[in-house]
C-alpha atoms as a PDB file:
ATOM      1  CA  MET A   1    -193.024 -25.685 -76.292  1.00  0.00           C
ATOM      2  CA  ASP A   2    -194.862 -22.897 -74.484  1.00  0.00           C
ATOM      3  CA  ILE A   3    -195.594 -22.092 -70.850  1.00  0.00           C
ATOM      4  CA  HIS A   4    -198.604 -24.407 -70.755  1.00  0.00           C
ATOM      5  CA  ASP A   5    -196.471 -27.428 -71.670  1.00  0.00           C
ATOM      6  CA  ILE A   6    -194.206 -27.077 -68.635  1.00  0.00           C
ATOM      7  CA  PRO A   7    -194.991 -29.577 -65.836  1.00  0.00           C
ATOM      8  CA  VAL A   8    -197.188 -27.960 -63.211  1.00  0.00           C
ATOM      9  CA  GLU A   9    -194.908 -29.107 -60.378  1.00  0.00           C
ATOM     10  CA  PHE A  10    -192.059 -27.130 -61.943  1.00  0.00           C
ATOM     11  CA  VAL A  11    -194.226 -24.012 -62.073  1.00  0.00           C
ATOM     12  CA  ASP A  12    -195.334 -24.558 -58.472  1.00  0.00           C
ATOM     13  CA  GLN A  13    -191.688 -24.723 -57.408  1.00  0.00           C
ATOM     14  CA  ILE A  14    -190.268 -21.737 -59.306  1.00  0.00           C
ATOM     15  CA  GLY A  15    -193.270 -19.407 -59.379  1.00  0.00           C
ATOM     16  CA  ALA A  16    -194.855 -17.374 -62.157  1.00  0.00           C
ATOM     17  CA  ILE A  17    -192.982 -17.568 -65.459  1.00  0.00           C
ATOM     18  CA  LYS A  18    -192.282 -14.231 -67.149  1.00  0.00           C
ATOM     19  CA  ASN A  19    -190.527 -15.439 -70.281  1.00  0.00           C
ATOM     20  CA  ILE A  20    -189.270 -18.536 -72.059  1.00  0.00           C
ATOM     21  CA  SER A  21    -186.588 -18.687 -74.745  1.00  0.00           C
ATOM     22  CA  PHE A  22    -184.566 -21.293 -76.588  1.00  0.00           C
ATOM     23  CA  PRO A  23    -180.779 -21.003 -76.250  1.00  0.00           C
ATOM     24  CA  GLN A  24    -178.322 -22.942 -78.382  1.00  0.00           C
ATOM     25  CA  GLN A  25    -179.613 -26.499 -78.569  1.00  0.00           C
ATOM     26  CA  GLY A  26    -177.763 -29.758 -78.009  1.00  0.00           C
ATOM     27  CA  HIS A  27    -178.274 -33.006 -79.886  1.00  0.00           C
ATOM     28  CA  THR A  28    -180.059 -35.033 -77.228  1.00  0.00           C
ATOM     29  CA  SER A  29    -182.627 -32.743 -75.604  1.00  0.00           C
ATOM     30  CA  LEU A  30    -184.817 -29.686 -76.015  1.00  0.00           C
ATOM     31  CA  VAL A  31    -183.310 -26.894 -73.907  1.00  0.00           C
ATOM     32  CA  VAL A  32    -185.509 -24.068 -72.643  1.00  0.00           C
ATOM     33  CA  LYS A  33    -184.502 -20.999 -70.645  1.00  0.00           C
ATOM     34  CA  ILE A  34    -187.095 -19.925 -68.091  1.00  0.00           C
ATOM     35  CA  GLU A  35    -187.230 -16.488 -66.467  1.00  0.00           C
ATOM     36  CA  THR A  36    -189.228 -15.692 -63.361  1.00  0.00           C
ATOM     37  CA  ARG A  37    -189.286 -12.423 -61.441  1.00  0.00           C
ATOM     38  CA  ASP A  38    -186.232 -13.343 -59.352  1.00  0.00           C
ATOM     39  CA  GLN A  39    -184.327 -16.129 -61.091  1.00  0.00           C
ATOM     40  CA  GLN A  40    -183.465 -17.910 -64.322  1.00  0.00           C
ATOM     41  CA  PHE A  41    -183.669 -21.642 -64.928  1.00  0.00           C
ATOM     42  CA  ILE A  42    -183.005 -24.243 -67.591  1.00  0.00           C
ATOM     43  CA  ILE A  43    -185.440 -27.021 -68.449  1.00  0.00           C
ATOM     44  CA  LYS A  44    -184.203 -29.982 -70.480  1.00  0.00           C
ATOM     45  CA  LYS A  45    -186.712 -32.313 -72.112  1.00  0.00           C
ATOM     46  CA  THR A  46    -185.984 -35.656 -73.784  1.00  0.00           C
ATOM     47  CA  GLU A  47    -188.244 -38.052 -75.690  1.00  0.00           C
ATOM     48  CA  HIS A  48    -185.972 -40.949 -76.643  1.00  0.00           C
ATOM     49  CA  GLY A  49    -185.142 -44.117 -74.730  1.00  0.00           C
ATOM     50  CA  LEU A  50    -181.382 -43.574 -74.526  1.00  0.00           C
ATOM     51  CA  PHE A  51    -181.614 -39.819 -74.012  1.00  0.00           C
ATOM     52  CA  ASN A  52    -184.276 -40.313 -71.327  1.00  0.00           C
ATOM     53  CA  GLU A  53    -181.859 -42.600 -69.512  1.00  0.00           C
ATOM     54  CA  TRP A  54    -179.087 -40.027 -69.783  1.00  0.00           C
ATOM     55  CA  LEU A  55    -181.289 -37.242 -68.410  1.00  0.00           C
ATOM     56  CA  SER A  56    -182.244 -39.385 -65.433  1.00  0.00           C
ATOM     57  CA  GLU A  57    -178.568 -40.128 -64.781  1.00  0.00           C
ATOM     58  CA  GLU A  58    -177.723 -36.447 -65.066  1.00  0.00           C
ATOM     59  CA  TYR A  59    -180.303 -35.532 -62.427  1.00  0.00           C
ATOM     60  CA  LYS A  60    -178.823 -38.057 -60.017  1.00  0.00           C
ATOM     61  CA  ALA A  61    -175.261 -36.953 -60.787  1.00  0.00           C
ATOM     62  CA  LEU A  62    -176.009 -33.262 -60.208  1.00  0.00           C
ATOM     63  CA  GLN A  63    -177.448 -34.088 -56.808  1.00  0.00           C
ATOM     64  CA  TYR A  64    -174.302 -35.991 -55.847  1.00  0.00           C
ATOM     65  CA  LEU A  65    -171.992 -33.319 -57.267  1.00  0.00           C
ATOM     66  CA  SER A  66    -173.649 -30.482 -55.339  1.00  0.00           C
ATOM     67  CA  THR A  67    -171.316 -31.208 -52.402  1.00  0.00           C
ATOM     68  CA  THR A  68    -168.047 -31.094 -54.390  1.00  0.00           C
ATOM     69  CA  GLY A  69    -167.646 -27.351 -54.882  1.00  0.00           C
ATOM     70  CA  LEU A  70    -167.461 -27.780 -58.647  1.00  0.00           C
ATOM     71  CA  PRO A  71    -169.304 -25.143 -60.746  1.00  0.00           C
ATOM     72  CA  VAL A  72    -172.259 -27.345 -61.675  1.00  0.00           C
ATOM     73  CA  PRO A  73    -175.880 -26.246 -62.013  1.00  0.00           C
ATOM     74  CA  LYS A  74    -178.191 -26.985 -59.112  1.00  0.00           C
ATOM     75  CA  ALA A  75    -180.844 -29.572 -60.013  1.00  0.00           C
ATOM     76  CA  TYR A  76    -184.292 -28.852 -58.580  1.00  0.00           C
ATOM     77  CA  ALA A  77    -186.678 -31.470 -59.925  1.00  0.00           C
ATOM     78  CA  PHE A  78    -187.152 -34.353 -62.352  1.00  0.00           C
ATOM     79  CA  HIS A  79    -190.444 -35.204 -64.028  1.00  0.00           C
ATOM     80  CA  ILE A  80    -191.608 -38.284 -65.920  1.00  0.00           C
ATOM     81  CA  GLN A  81    -194.528 -37.958 -68.326  1.00  0.00           C
ATOM     82  CA  ASP A  82    -195.329 -40.826 -70.686  1.00  0.00           C
ATOM     83  CA  LYS A  83    -192.240 -41.142 -72.930  1.00  0.00           C
ATOM     84  CA  SER A  84    -190.851 -37.744 -71.934  1.00  0.00           C
ATOM     85  CA  ARG A  85    -188.399 -36.775 -69.204  1.00  0.00           C
ATOM     86  CA  TRP A  86    -187.950 -33.255 -67.834  1.00  0.00           C
ATOM     87  CA  LEU A  87    -185.138 -31.780 -65.707  1.00  0.00           C
ATOM     88  CA  LEU A  88    -185.303 -28.407 -63.951  1.00  0.00           C
ATOM     89  CA  MET A  89    -182.009 -26.792 -62.960  1.00  0.00           C
ATOM     90  CA  ASP A  90    -180.166 -23.489 -62.573  1.00  0.00           C
ATOM     91  CA  TYR A  91    -179.245 -21.337 -65.542  1.00  0.00           C
ATOM     92  CA  ILE A  92    -175.543 -20.419 -65.712  1.00  0.00           C
ATOM     93  CA  ASP A  93    -174.911 -17.133 -67.522  1.00  0.00           C
ATOM     94  CA  GLY A  94    -171.984 -17.980 -69.775  1.00  0.00           C
ATOM     95  CA  ILE A  95    -171.166 -19.128 -73.298  1.00  0.00           C
ATOM     96  CA  SER A  96    -169.631 -22.421 -74.312  1.00  0.00           C
ATOM     97  CA  LEU A  97    -165.869 -22.507 -74.647  1.00  0.00           C
ATOM     98  CA  ARG A  98    -166.302 -23.714 -78.209  1.00  0.00           C
ATOM     99  CA  HIS A  99    -168.414 -20.665 -79.066  1.00  0.00           C
ATOM    100  CA  PHE A 100    -165.857 -18.391 -77.388  1.00  0.00           C
ATOM    101  CA  LEU A 101    -162.991 -19.849 -79.411  1.00  0.00           C
ATOM    102  CA  ALA A 102    -165.019 -19.760 -82.640  1.00  0.00           C
ATOM    103  CA  CYS A 103    -165.333 -15.978 -82.187  1.00  0.00           C
ATOM    104  CA  LYS A 104    -161.534 -15.806 -82.659  1.00  0.00           C
ATOM    105  CA  PRO A 105    -160.461 -13.982 -79.490  1.00  0.00           C
ATOM    106  CA  ASN A 106    -157.054 -12.334 -79.358  1.00  0.00           C
ATOM    107  CA  LEU A 107    -154.091 -14.575 -78.586  1.00  0.00           C
ATOM    108  CA  ARG A 108    -153.829 -13.542 -74.936  1.00  0.00           C
ATOM    109  CA  ASP A 109    -157.481 -14.302 -74.206  1.00  0.00           C
ATOM    110  CA  ARG A 110    -157.321 -17.547 -76.169  1.00  0.00           C
ATOM    111  CA  GLU A 111    -154.326 -18.771 -74.212  1.00  0.00           C
ATOM    112  CA  LYS A 112    -155.839 -17.779 -70.878  1.00  0.00           C
ATOM    113  CA  VAL A 113    -159.127 -19.560 -71.484  1.00  0.00           C
ATOM    114  CA  ILE A 114    -157.441 -22.753 -72.727  1.00  0.00           C
ATOM    115  CA  SER A 115    -155.233 -22.696 -69.647  1.00  0.00           C
ATOM    116  CA  ASN A 116    -158.316 -22.336 -67.438  1.00  0.00           C
ATOM    117  CA  TYR A 117    -159.937 -25.202 -69.334  1.00  0.00           C
ATOM    118  CA  GLY A 118    -157.022 -27.434 -68.306  1.00  0.00           C
ATOM    119  CA  LEU A 119    -157.274 -26.221 -64.707  1.00  0.00           C
ATOM    120  CA  CYS A 120    -160.990 -27.000 -64.761  1.00  0.00           C
ATOM    121  CA  LEU A 121    -160.391 -30.634 -65.685  1.00  0.00           C
ATOM    122  CA  LYS A 122    -157.664 -30.853 -63.054  1.00  0.00           C
ATOM    123  CA  GLN A 123    -160.178 -29.628 -60.463  1.00  0.00           C
ATOM    124  CA  ILE A 124    -162.645 -32.333 -61.485  1.00  0.00           C
ATOM    125  CA  HIS A 125    -160.058 -35.109 -61.353  1.00  0.00           C
ATOM    126  CA  GLU A 126    -158.746 -33.955 -57.974  1.00  0.00           C
ATOM    127  CA  SER A 127    -162.213 -33.694 -56.402  1.00  0.00           C
ATOM    128  CA  GLN A 128    -163.333 -36.467 -54.099  1.00  0.00           C
ATOM    129  CA  CYS A 129    -165.759 -38.675 -55.977  1.00  0.00           C
ATOM    130  CA  PRO A 130    -169.180 -38.733 -54.256  1.00  0.00           C
ATOM    131  CA  VAL A 131    -170.094 -42.141 -52.870  1.00  0.00           C
ATOM    132  CA  GLY A 132    -173.232 -42.233 -55.023  1.00  0.00           C
ATOM    133  CA  LEU A 133    -171.125 -42.241 -58.196  1.00  0.00           C
ATOM    134  CA  ARG A 134    -169.050 -45.225 -57.054  1.00  0.00           C
ATOM    135  CA  LYS A 135    -171.725 -47.583 -58.278  1.00  0.00           C
ATOM    136  CA  ASN A 136    -170.256 -51.048 -57.720  1.00  0.00           C
ATOM    137  CA  ASP A 137    -167.093 -53.122 -57.675  1.00  0.00           C
ATOM    138  CA  GLN A 138    -167.141 -53.618 -61.444  1.00  0.00           C
ATOM    139  CA  SER A 139    -164.367 -51.747 -63.251  1.00  0.00           C
ATOM    140  CA  TRP A 140    -165.386 -48.563 -65.024  1.00  0.00           C
ATOM    141  CA  LEU A 141    -164.098 -49.815 -68.368  1.00  0.00           C
ATOM    142  CA  ASP A 142    -165.942 -53.133 -68.042  1.00  0.00           C
ATOM    143  CA  MET A 143    -169.123 -51.203 -67.312  1.00  0.00           C
ATOM    144  CA  MET A 144    -168.582 -48.865 -70.281  1.00  0.00           C
ATOM    145  CA  LEU A 145    -167.932 -51.753 -72.658  1.00  0.00           C
ATOM    146  CA  MET A 146    -171.093 -53.450 -71.418  1.00  0.00           C
ATOM    147  CA  LYS A 147    -173.056 -50.241 -72.057  1.00  0.00           C
ATOM    148  CA  ALA A 148    -171.402 -49.908 -75.469  1.00  0.00           C
ATOM    149  CA  SER A 149    -172.591 -53.403 -76.367  1.00  0.00           C
ATOM    150  CA  HIS A 150    -176.112 -52.558 -75.169  1.00  0.00           C
ATOM    151  CA  ASN A 151    -176.179 -49.278 -77.110  1.00  0.00           C
ATOM    152  CA  LEU A 152    -174.911 -50.974 -80.270  1.00  0.00           C
ATOM    153  CA  ALA A 153    -177.685 -53.566 -80.053  1.00  0.00           C
ATOM    154  CA  ASN A 154    -180.490 -51.139 -79.256  1.00  0.00           C
ATOM    155  CA  TYR A 155    -179.677 -47.677 -80.611  1.00  0.00           C
ATOM    156  CA  ASN A 156    -178.185 -45.936 -83.616  1.00  0.00           C
ATOM    157  CA  VAL A 157    -174.551 -45.327 -82.635  1.00  0.00           C
ATOM    158  CA  ASN A 158    -171.419 -44.613 -84.662  1.00  0.00           C
ATOM    159  CA  GLY A 159    -169.531 -47.661 -83.394  1.00  0.00           C
ATOM    160  CA  THR A 160    -169.497 -51.079 -85.047  1.00  0.00           C
ATOM    161  CA  GLU A 161    -169.318 -54.671 -83.856  1.00  0.00           C
ATOM    162  CA  GLU A 162    -165.777 -54.944 -85.223  1.00  0.00           C
ATOM    163  CA  LEU A 163    -164.670 -51.846 -83.307  1.00  0.00           C
ATOM    164  CA  LEU A 164    -166.240 -53.111 -80.099  1.00  0.00           C
ATOM    165  CA  ILE A 165    -164.369 -56.411 -80.407  1.00  0.00           C
ATOM    166  CA  ARG A 166    -161.095 -54.511 -80.803  1.00  0.00           C
ATOM    167  CA  LEU A 167    -161.857 -52.357 -77.772  1.00  0.00           C
ATOM    168  CA  LYS A 168    -162.496 -55.439 -75.666  1.00  0.00           C
ATOM    169  CA  ASN A 169    -159.326 -57.168 -76.813  1.00  0.00           C
ATOM    170  CA  ASP A 170    -156.910 -54.207 -76.774  1.00  0.00           C
ATOM    171  CA  ARG A 171    -157.608 -52.431 -73.505  1.00  0.00           C
ATOM    172  CA  PRO A 172    -155.179 -49.798 -72.260  1.00  0.00           C
ATOM    173  CA  LYS A 173    -153.171 -50.522 -69.135  1.00  0.00           C
ATOM    174  CA  PRO A 174    -155.308 -49.611 -66.082  1.00  0.00           C
ATOM    175  CA  ILE A 175    -154.497 -46.463 -64.110  1.00  0.00           C
ATOM    176  CA  GLU A 176    -155.910 -44.990 -60.909  1.00  0.00           C
ATOM    177  CA  ASN A 177    -159.526 -43.903 -61.236  1.00  0.00           C
ATOM    178  CA  THR A 178    -160.777 -40.426 -60.369  1.00  0.00           C
ATOM    179  CA  LEU A 179    -164.034 -38.534 -60.516  1.00  0.00           C
ATOM    180  CA  ILE A 180    -164.649 -38.001 -64.236  1.00  0.00           C
ATOM    181  CA  HIS A 181    -167.156 -35.929 -66.176  1.00  0.00           C
ATOM    182  CA  GLY A 182    -167.562 -38.517 -68.917  1.00  0.00           C
ATOM    183  CA  ASP A 183    -168.319 -36.038 -71.722  1.00  0.00           C
ATOM    184  CA  PHE A 184    -165.786 -33.275 -71.098  1.00  0.00           C
ATOM    185  CA  HIS A 185    -165.392 -31.105 -74.185  1.00  0.00           C
ATOM    186  CA  THR A 186    -165.612 -27.457 -75.150  1.00  0.00           C
ATOM    187  CA  ASN A 187    -169.392 -27.463 -75.655  1.00  0.00           C
ATOM    188  CA  ASN A 188    -169.935 -28.509 -72.042  1.00  0.00           C
ATOM    189  CA  VAL A 189    -167.699 -25.900 -70.411  1.00  0.00           C
ATOM    190  CA  LEU A 190    -169.170 -22.406 -69.941  1.00  0.00           C
ATOM    191  CA  VAL A 191    -166.961 -19.341 -69.755  1.00  0.00           C
ATOM    192  CA  ASN A 192    -167.245 -15.644 -68.984  1.00  0.00           C
ATOM    193  CA  TYR A 193    -164.386 -13.132 -69.112  1.00  0.00           C
ATOM    194  CA  ASN A 194    -161.948 -15.968 -69.926  1.00  0.00           C
ATOM    195  CA  ASN A 195    -162.885 -17.855 -66.748  1.00  0.00           C
ATOM    196  CA  VAL A 196    -164.729 -21.153 -66.469  1.00  0.00           C
ATOM    197  CA  ILE A 197    -167.988 -20.489 -64.640  1.00  0.00           C
ATOM    198  CA  GLY A 198    -169.926 -23.684 -65.327  1.00  0.00           C
ATOM    199  CA  ILE A 199    -169.642 -27.328 -66.310  1.00  0.00           C
ATOM    200  CA  ILE A 200    -172.792 -28.892 -67.731  1.00  0.00           C
ATOM    201  CA  ASP A 201    -174.103 -32.217 -69.093  1.00  0.00           C
ATOM    202  CA  TRP A 202    -173.097 -34.799 -66.475  1.00  0.00           C
ATOM    203  CA  PRO A 203    -175.005 -38.022 -67.326  1.00  0.00           C
ATOM    204  CA  ARG A 204    -171.807 -40.085 -67.524  1.00  0.00           C
ATOM    205  CA  ALA A 205    -170.194 -38.758 -64.346  1.00  0.00           C
ATOM    206  CA  ALA A 206    -168.439 -41.649 -62.621  1.00  0.00           C
ATOM    207  CA  PHE A 207    -165.442 -42.921 -60.721  1.00  0.00           C
ATOM    208  CA  GLY A 208    -163.541 -43.793 -63.870  1.00  0.00           C
ATOM    209  CA  ASP A 209    -160.519 -43.458 -66.120  1.00  0.00           C
ATOM    210  CA  PRO A 210    -159.387 -39.811 -66.383  1.00  0.00           C
ATOM    211  CA  ARG A 211    -157.859 -40.501 -69.806  1.00  0.00           C
ATOM    212  CA  PHE A 212    -161.387 -40.663 -71.233  1.00  0.00           C
ATOM    213  CA  ASP A 213    -162.004 -37.032 -70.184  1.00  0.00           C
ATOM    214  CA  ILE A 214    -158.617 -35.919 -71.508  1.00  0.00           C
ATOM    215  CA  ALA A 215    -159.157 -37.534 -74.898  1.00  0.00           C
ATOM    216  CA  LEU A 216    -162.505 -35.800 -75.351  1.00  0.00           C
ATOM    217  CA  ALA A 217    -161.140 -32.498 -74.030  1.00  0.00           C
ATOM    218  CA  ILE A 218    -158.411 -32.164 -76.652  1.00  0.00           C
ATOM    219  CA  ARG A 219    -160.143 -33.473 -79.756  1.00  0.00           C
ATOM    220  CA  PRO A 220    -159.601 -30.962 -82.560  1.00  0.00           C
ATOM    221  CA  LYS A 221    -162.440 -29.158 -84.292  1.00  0.00           C
ATOM    222  CA  GLN A 222    -162.555 -25.957 -86.319  1.00  0.00           C
ATOM    223  CA  ASP A 223    -161.092 -23.164 -84.147  1.00  0.00           C
ATOM    224  CA  VAL A 224    -160.791 -25.623 -81.246  1.00  0.00           C
ATOM    225  CA  PHE A 225    -157.448 -27.301 -80.552  1.00  0.00           C
ATOM    226  CA  ASP A 226    -156.446 -26.711 -84.140  1.00  0.00           C
ATOM    227  CA  HIS A 227    -153.790 -24.085 -83.295  1.00  0.00           C
ATOM    228  CA  LYS A 228    -150.164 -24.926 -82.662  1.00  0.00           C
ATOM    229  CA  GLY A 229    -149.588 -24.949 -78.922  1.00  0.00           C
ATOM    230  CA  ASP A 230    -153.217 -25.422 -77.794  1.00  0.00           C
ATOM    231  CA  LYS A 231    -152.610 -28.915 -76.416  1.00  0.00           C
ATOM    232  CA  GLU A 232    -149.394 -27.874 -74.704  1.00  0.00           C
ATOM    233  CA  LEU A 233    -151.198 -25.014 -72.931  1.00  0.00           C
ATOM    234  CA  PHE A 234    -153.907 -27.403 -71.828  1.00  0.00           C
ATOM    235  CA  PHE A 235    -151.494 -30.017 -70.483  1.00  0.00           C
ATOM    236  CA  GLU A 236    -149.322 -27.437 -68.715  1.00  0.00           C
ATOM    237  CA  SER A 237    -152.372 -26.324 -66.722  1.00  0.00           C
ATOM    238  CA  TYR A 238    -153.847 -29.776 -66.268  1.00  0.00           C
ATOM    239  CA  GLY A 239    -150.523 -31.085 -65.005  1.00  0.00           C
ATOM    240  CA  ARG A 240    -151.601 -34.552 -63.855  1.00  0.00           C
ATOM    241  CA  LEU A 241    -150.789 -36.837 -66.773  1.00  0.00           C
ATOM    242  CA  ARG A 242    -150.574 -36.926 -70.544  1.00  0.00           C
ATOM    243  CA  ILE A 243    -152.113 -39.496 -72.815  1.00  0.00           C
ATOM    244  CA  THR A 244    -150.427 -41.287 -75.669  1.00  0.00           C
ATOM    245  CA  ASP A 245    -151.705 -41.244 -79.239  1.00  0.00           C
ATOM    246  CA  GLU A 246    -152.779 -44.842 -78.753  1.00  0.00           C
ATOM    247  CA  GLU A 247    -154.786 -43.954 -75.632  1.00  0.00           C
ATOM    248  CA  TYR A 248    -156.368 -41.018 -77.457  1.00  0.00           C
ATOM    249  CA  ARG A 249    -157.483 -43.293 -80.281  1.00  0.00           C
ATOM    250  CA  TYR A 250    -158.865 -45.900 -77.862  1.00  0.00           C
ATOM    251  CA  PHE A 251    -161.073 -43.454 -75.977  1.00  0.00           C
ATOM    252  CA  GLN A 252    -161.946 -40.698 -78.469  1.00  0.00           C
ATOM    253  CA  GLU A 253    -161.969 -42.622 -81.744  1.00  0.00           C
ATOM    254  CA  GLY A 254    -163.098 -45.880 -80.175  1.00  0.00           C
ATOM    255  CA  LEU A 255    -165.136 -46.066 -76.980  1.00  0.00           C
ATOM    256  CA  TYR A 256    -166.820 -42.680 -77.420  1.00  0.00           C
ATOM    257  CA  LYS A 257    -168.419 -43.801 -80.693  1.00  0.00           C
ATOM    258  CA  PHE A 258    -170.904 -45.899 -78.737  1.00  0.00           C
ATOM    259  CA  PHE A 259    -172.213 -42.984 -76.657  1.00  0.00           C
END
């Protein structure tokens, strides 16, 4: 992508572009950093049916979330062009928590940032859910299982028909819903000087089961929640509830495989 590929309405809104660059990329979209004379922006572009749907949902969610006080990027515009979707939003000057931990910070900094990560999720779950994200009277889990079935039938996902049947038959006991991120993990939390300064990638924001966020938040990867005590630090700061191993498996190793 170069400057001439960017939708003209984006350029009209932000002004003359001085530079474009390509930060660390995700798996679902092309991410471009845009610099003008006075400000920096991010443009996300998708070209796939499922990812296009997610980008559209993220644009709507960011608009709703702008009133919550959470550190989310401001969304400016959404553009549809043939089979492509484009989202223009603020750039947040931080690095992902996963990248921070992979750089092997000293123990004090590691513990502080993991503690702040737990506080960040607590802040999300204690925020009032915007009315626009309370989509209907259908339960969140029913809606997610319906989407899982749709994704299994139409897209390449990691889940299987057998797994989906088990998820439908062995549901966890319901608990009180909260505002949830829906994809809360260390790649989607931005930090600077050990503090959380941004939360990105909100297409699955909803009034839903907070255990889904928790399960994704604590999943171990190299240098991430693979140290003794990491989970305890997280839960001490989060402080709302803990999930069982069975609940972790249901959400992280089960439902998430369809998204």
